[in-house]
Amino acid sequence: MSRRANDVHRRLDALRAAVELLMNEGYEPAYAGVAGATGPFAEPERRGSGGNHETQPRSDNEPDDDTELAASSEESEADRTRLIALVELARKGDKEAFGLLYDHYHGAVYRFLFYRTRSAQVAEDLTSETFFRALRSMTGFRWQGKDFGAWLMTIARNLATDHFKAGRTRLEMTTEDMGQHDSSADGPEKIVMAGITNEMLLGALSKLPDEQRDCIIMRFLQGLSIAETAAILGRSDGAVKQLQLRGIRNLAKQMPDGIR
C-alpha cells in the first residue's frame, strides 16, 4: 500500500475510533479537543504560530506591509521561512513560486474536496478551480496571521458549497471512489471485524450538516488543528470543539443497529 493510501486509512481509523467511543454505552467526552486530552478527541500538536484571523484578500484602504502577520503551520523553521518567502514572491507575480505552492498544498486541498464531494472527478475539477482562483487573486492576498493554506481551504470550501447548491453532483459514491478508501486486499472477514467500514463512515459523513461535516473532515481527515479549522470556518476555537463533538455524535447515531 502506498504512503498516501496508508495516510488515508490512518485518518479514517482515527475517525472510526472516535465514533466507536461515543457508541460505547455511558461514554460522554466532556472536553473534546481540549489540550491535555488523550485518544481520538485530543487536540493535535500546534504547528507554527499566529492569531485566529482568517486569511483574506487585502482591501484598497489597508496598508501594503502586512509581513509582520505572515505565518506558516509547518513544523520546521526552514519550511516555514521557505513557504512564506514563496507566498511573497507569488503575490508579486512570480509564477514559478506559485507553482511550488501548488505542489505543496495540492494534496491537502484535493483530500478535503474528495471527502466533501465523494467524487474523484469533482474533487479534481474543484481543486483546479481553487488554484486558478487563487492565482487570479494572488496579488490581492493579505496575511492575517495564518498559514497560506487556510486561504486556499476557504476558497475550496466555498467552491464545494456552490457546487452542491447548483446540484451538479451525485450523493452516492462511485465504485472507483470507494476503491480509494476500502482496500481491495481486505477480505470479508477483515471487513466484518472492522465493524464500522469506511463506506459506512463516509456515507454517514455526507449526511451531516455542512458545517459539522467540514469540521470533521478538517479535524480528522485533514489533521488540522482546532485553531486552523477555526480560521477556515470563521468560528472560535470553542465553537469548533462543539461542532466536532456534535458531528461525532451524529455520526454515531447513524451507524447500523447491528453495530451499535
Protein backbone atom coordinates (compact mmCIF):
# COMPACT_ATOMS: atom_id res chain seq x y z
CA MET A 1 0.00 0.00 0.00
CA SER A 2 1.31 3.45 -0.90
CA ARG A 3 2.23 6.09 1.67
CA ARG A 4 -0.75 8.20 0.58
CA ALA A 5 -3.13 5.24 0.96
CA ASN A 6 -1.69 4.49 4.40
CA ASP A 7 -2.29 8.09 5.43
CA VAL A 8 -5.91 7.93 4.26
CA HIS A 9 -6.54 4.72 6.20
CA ARG A 10 -4.83 6.10 9.31
CA ARG A 11 -7.06 9.17 9.32
CA LEU A 12 -10.20 7.12 8.70
CA ASP A 13 -9.17 4.84 11.57
CA ALA A 14 -8.94 7.87 13.87
CA LEU A 15 -12.45 8.95 12.88
CA ARG A 16 -13.75 5.41 13.31
CA ALA A 17 -12.23 5.22 16.79
CA ALA A 18 -13.91 8.49 17.82
CA VAL A 19 -17.31 7.26 16.59
CA GLU A 20 -16.90 3.92 18.36
CA LEU A 21 -16.07 5.66 21.61
CA LEU A 22 -19.31 7.60 21.51
CA MET A 23 -21.21 4.42 20.67
CA ASN A 24 -19.99 2.78 23.88
CA GLU A 25 -22.74 2.89 26.46
CA GLY A 26 -22.22 5.58 29.08
CA TYR A 27 -19.31 7.29 27.33
CA GLU A 28 -19.61 11.07 27.26
CA PRO A 29 -16.48 13.08 26.37
CA ALA A 30 -16.91 16.39 28.16
CA TYR A 31 -13.82 18.12 26.80
CA ALA A 32 -13.37 17.00 23.21
CA GLY A 33 -10.38 18.67 21.63
CA VAL A 34 -9.14 20.35 24.80
CA ALA A 35 -5.38 20.48 25.30
CA GLY A 36 -4.25 17.62 27.51
CA ALA A 37 -6.96 15.22 26.36
CA THR A 38 -5.91 11.83 25.02
CA GLY A 39 -7.26 9.49 22.38
CA PRO A 40 -9.09 10.43 19.17
CA PHE A 41 -10.56 13.58 20.71
CA ALA A 42 -7.18 15.05 21.61
CA GLU A 43 -6.03 18.32 20.10
CA PRO A 44 -3.17 17.73 17.61
CA GLU A 45 0.12 19.41 18.41
CA ARG A 46 0.01 23.00 17.20
CA ARG A 47 2.34 23.85 14.33
CA GLY A 48 3.57 27.33 13.73
CA SER A 49 2.00 30.40 15.29
CA GLY A 50 -0.48 33.13 14.66
CA GLY A 51 -3.83 34.50 15.72
CA ASN A 52 -7.31 33.31 14.91
CA HIS A 53 -7.81 35.53 11.86
CA GLU A 54 -8.96 34.15 8.55
CA THR A 55 -6.79 34.95 5.57
CA GLN A 56 -8.47 37.37 3.18
CA PRO A 57 -7.58 39.43 0.13
CA ARG A 58 -6.43 42.92 1.05
CA SER A 59 -8.77 45.86 0.57
CA ASP A 60 -7.72 49.12 -1.03
CA ASN A 61 -7.68 51.03 2.25
CA GLU A 62 -5.43 48.58 4.10
CA PRO A 63 -1.67 49.09 4.36
CA ASP A 64 0.55 47.17 1.93
CA ASP A 65 3.05 45.97 4.55
CA ASP A 66 1.42 43.01 6.29
CA THR A 67 4.55 40.87 6.51
CA GLU A 68 4.53 41.02 10.31
CA LEU A 69 1.40 38.83 10.14
CA ALA A 70 2.99 36.24 7.83
CA ALA A 71 2.69 32.74 9.30
CA SER A 72 3.06 29.09 8.39
CA SER A 73 1.90 25.92 10.14
CA GLU A 74 4.95 23.91 9.07
CA GLU A 75 6.88 22.23 11.87
CA SER A 76 10.39 23.28 10.93
CA GLU A 77 11.69 26.84 10.88
CA ALA A 78 13.26 26.27 7.47
CA ASP A 79 9.99 25.10 5.92
CA ARG A 80 8.06 27.98 7.46
CA THR A 81 10.56 30.51 6.12
CA ARG A 82 10.55 28.89 2.66
CA LEU A 83 6.77 28.85 2.30
CA ILE A 84 6.34 32.41 3.50
CA ALA A 85 9.01 33.52 1.01
CA LEU A 86 7.22 31.64 -1.79
CA VAL A 87 3.94 33.39 -0.95
CA GLU A 88 5.69 36.76 -1.01
CA LEU A 89 7.18 36.00 -4.43
CA ALA A 90 3.89 34.64 -5.77
CA ARG A 91 1.90 37.72 -4.83
CA LYS A 92 4.46 39.79 -6.71
CA GLY A 93 3.62 37.79 -9.83
CA ASP A 94 6.24 35.01 -9.70
CA LYS A 95 4.52 32.07 -11.45
CA GLU A 96 7.26 29.60 -10.57
CA ALA A 97 6.82 30.38 -6.87
CA PHE A 98 3.07 29.83 -7.21
CA GLY A 99 3.79 26.51 -8.89
CA LEU A 100 5.82 25.42 -5.87
CA LEU A 101 2.95 26.48 -3.58
CA TYR A 102 0.65 24.39 -5.77
CA ASP A 103 2.91 21.37 -5.33
CA HIS A 104 2.91 21.83 -1.55
CA TYR A 105 -0.81 22.41 -0.94
CA HIS A 106 -2.43 20.46 -3.77
CA GLY A 107 -2.75 17.21 -1.81
CA ALA A 108 -4.44 18.82 1.19
CA VAL A 109 -6.92 20.76 -0.95
CA TYR A 110 -7.74 17.68 -3.04
CA ARG A 111 -8.29 15.47 0.03
CA PHE A 112 -10.68 17.99 1.57
CA LEU A 113 -12.68 18.25 -1.66
CA PHE A 114 -12.68 14.48 -2.18
CA TYR A 115 -14.15 13.81 1.24
CA ARG A 116 -16.52 16.76 0.82
CA THR A 117 -17.86 15.68 -2.59
CA ARG A 118 -17.17 11.93 -2.50
CA SER A 119 -16.17 12.04 -6.17
CA ALA A 120 -12.62 11.91 -7.52
CA GLN A 121 -13.56 13.70 -10.74
CA VAL A 122 -15.43 16.52 -8.98
CA ALA A 123 -12.61 16.87 -6.45
CA GLU A 124 -10.05 17.18 -9.25
CA ASP A 125 -12.15 19.80 -11.04
CA LEU A 126 -12.74 21.86 -7.92
CA THR A 127 -9.08 21.58 -6.89
CA SER A 128 -8.05 23.02 -10.26
CA GLU A 129 -10.60 25.80 -9.89
CA THR A 130 -9.36 26.54 -6.35
CA PHE A 131 -5.81 27.15 -7.55
CA PHE A 132 -6.98 29.04 -10.62
CA ARG A 133 -8.92 31.45 -8.42
CA ALA A 134 -6.01 31.72 -6.01
CA LEU A 135 -3.62 32.56 -8.85
CA ARG A 136 -6.03 35.14 -10.22
CA SER A 137 -6.37 36.80 -6.79
CA MET A 138 -2.77 36.32 -5.66
CA THR A 139 -1.75 39.98 -5.87
CA GLY A 140 -4.61 40.82 -3.52
CA PHE A 141 -3.77 38.17 -0.92
CA ARG A 142 -3.22 39.58 2.55
CA TRP A 143 -1.64 37.89 5.55
CA GLN A 144 -3.93 37.56 8.55
CA GLY A 145 -1.66 35.63 10.90
CA LYS A 146 -2.47 32.21 9.43
CA ASP A 147 -0.94 29.70 7.04
CA PHE A 148 -1.48 30.40 3.34
CA GLY A 149 -3.27 27.06 3.18
CA ALA A 150 -6.15 28.46 5.24
CA TRP A 151 -6.93 30.88 2.41
CA LEU A 152 -6.83 28.07 -0.14
CA MET A 153 -9.10 25.92 2.01
CA THR A 154 -11.59 28.76 2.32
CA ILE A 155 -11.72 29.05 -1.47
CA ALA A 156 -12.13 25.26 -1.79
CA ARG A 157 -14.89 25.16 0.81
CA ASN A 158 -16.82 27.93 -0.92
CA LEU A 159 -16.49 26.16 -4.26
CA ALA A 160 -17.78 22.89 -2.77
CA THR A 161 -20.74 24.69 -1.22
CA ASP A 162 -21.58 26.38 -4.54
CA HIS A 163 -21.23 23.06 -6.33
CA PHE A 164 -23.81 21.34 -4.12
CA LYS A 165 -26.15 24.30 -4.29
CA ALA A 166 -26.05 24.07 -8.07
CA GLY A 167 -26.97 20.38 -7.86
CA ARG A 168 -24.15 19.26 -10.15
CA THR A 169 -23.12 16.18 -8.16
CA ARG A 170 -24.41 12.79 -7.12
CA LEU A 171 -24.53 11.95 -3.43
CA GLU A 172 -23.68 8.28 -3.90
CA MET A 173 -20.05 7.20 -4.12
CA THR A 174 -18.84 5.55 -7.32
CA THR A 175 -17.05 2.23 -7.33
CA GLU A 176 -13.85 3.97 -8.37
CA ASP A 177 -14.06 6.40 -5.47
CA MET A 178 -14.76 3.71 -2.89
CA GLY A 179 -11.68 1.83 -4.05
CA GLN A 180 -9.54 4.69 -2.83
CA HIS A 181 -10.77 4.14 0.73
CA ASP A 182 -11.54 0.43 1.16
CA SER A 183 -8.56 -1.67 0.10
CA SER A 184 -9.36 -4.46 -2.34
CA ALA A 185 -6.98 -6.62 -0.31
CA ASP A 186 -9.38 -6.55 2.64
CA GLY A 187 -11.41 -9.77 2.63
CA PRO A 188 -14.91 -10.23 4.08
CA GLU A 189 -13.52 -11.39 7.42
CA LYS A 190 -11.45 -8.24 7.88
CA ILE A 191 -14.36 -6.00 6.89
CA VAL A 192 -16.66 -7.73 9.41
CA MET A 193 -14.04 -7.44 12.14
CA ALA A 194 -13.63 -3.74 11.40
CA GLY A 195 -17.29 -3.22 12.35
CA ILE A 196 -17.66 0.30 11.05
CA THR A 197 -16.42 0.26 7.46
CA ASN A 198 -15.09 3.21 5.53
CA GLU A 199 -18.22 3.10 3.38
CA MET A 200 -20.40 3.47 6.47
CA LEU A 201 -18.31 6.34 7.77
CA LEU A 202 -18.26 8.26 4.51
CA GLY A 203 -21.95 7.64 3.88
CA ALA A 204 -22.83 8.99 7.32
CA LEU A 205 -20.43 11.89 6.88
CA SER A 206 -22.24 13.02 3.72
CA LYS A 207 -25.49 13.34 5.71
CA LEU A 208 -24.14 15.69 8.37
CA PRO A 209 -24.98 19.41 8.32
CA ASP A 210 -22.46 21.27 6.16
CA GLU A 211 -20.51 22.91 8.97
CA GLN A 212 -20.28 19.73 11.06
CA ARG A 213 -19.14 17.77 8.00
CA ASP A 214 -16.48 20.31 7.09
CA CYS A 215 -15.26 20.41 10.69
CA ILE A 216 -14.92 16.61 10.87
CA ILE A 217 -13.13 16.47 7.51
CA MET A 218 -10.65 19.16 8.55
CA ARG A 219 -10.03 17.83 12.06
CA PHE A 220 -9.86 14.08 11.39
CA LEU A 221 -9.24 13.55 7.68
CA GLN A 222 -7.05 16.60 7.11
CA GLY A 223 -5.40 16.57 10.52
CA LEU A 224 -5.82 20.33 11.01
CA SER A 225 -5.62 21.81 14.49
CA ILE A 226 -8.60 23.45 16.17
CA ALA A 227 -7.09 26.88 15.52
CA GLU A 228 -6.55 26.14 11.82
CA THR A 229 -10.08 24.78 11.45
CA ALA A 230 -11.49 27.81 13.26
CA ALA A 231 -9.67 30.13 10.85
CA ILE A 232 -11.15 28.41 7.81
CA LEU A 233 -14.68 28.16 9.21
CA GLY A 234 -14.59 31.67 10.64
CA ARG A 235 -15.57 30.36 14.09
CA SER A 236 -13.99 30.47 17.55
CA ASP A 237 -11.93 27.60 18.94
CA GLY A 238 -14.74 26.75 21.35
CA ALA A 239 -17.30 26.65 18.54
CA VAL A 240 -15.09 24.25 16.58
CA LYS A 241 -14.84 21.93 19.60
CA GLN A 242 -18.62 21.87 19.86
CA LEU A 243 -19.04 21.31 16.11
CA GLN A 244 -16.61 18.40 16.32
CA LEU A 245 -18.42 16.79 19.24
CA ARG A 246 -21.87 17.23 17.68
CA GLY A 247 -20.58 15.85 14.38
CA ILE A 248 -19.14 12.71 16.01
CA ARG A 249 -22.36 12.22 17.97
CA ASN A 250 -24.42 12.43 14.79
CA LEU A 251 -22.11 10.00 13.01
CA ALA A 252 -22.53 7.53 15.88
CA LYS A 253 -26.32 7.82 15.69
CA GLN A 254 -26.24 6.89 12.00
CA MET A 255 -24.41 3.59 12.48
CA PRO A 256 -26.48 0.46 11.73
CA ASP A 257 -28.29 -1.20 14.65
CA GLY A 258 -26.21 -4.35 14.31
CA ILE A 259 -23.06 -2.39 15.14
CA ARG A 260 -24.37 -0.01 17.78
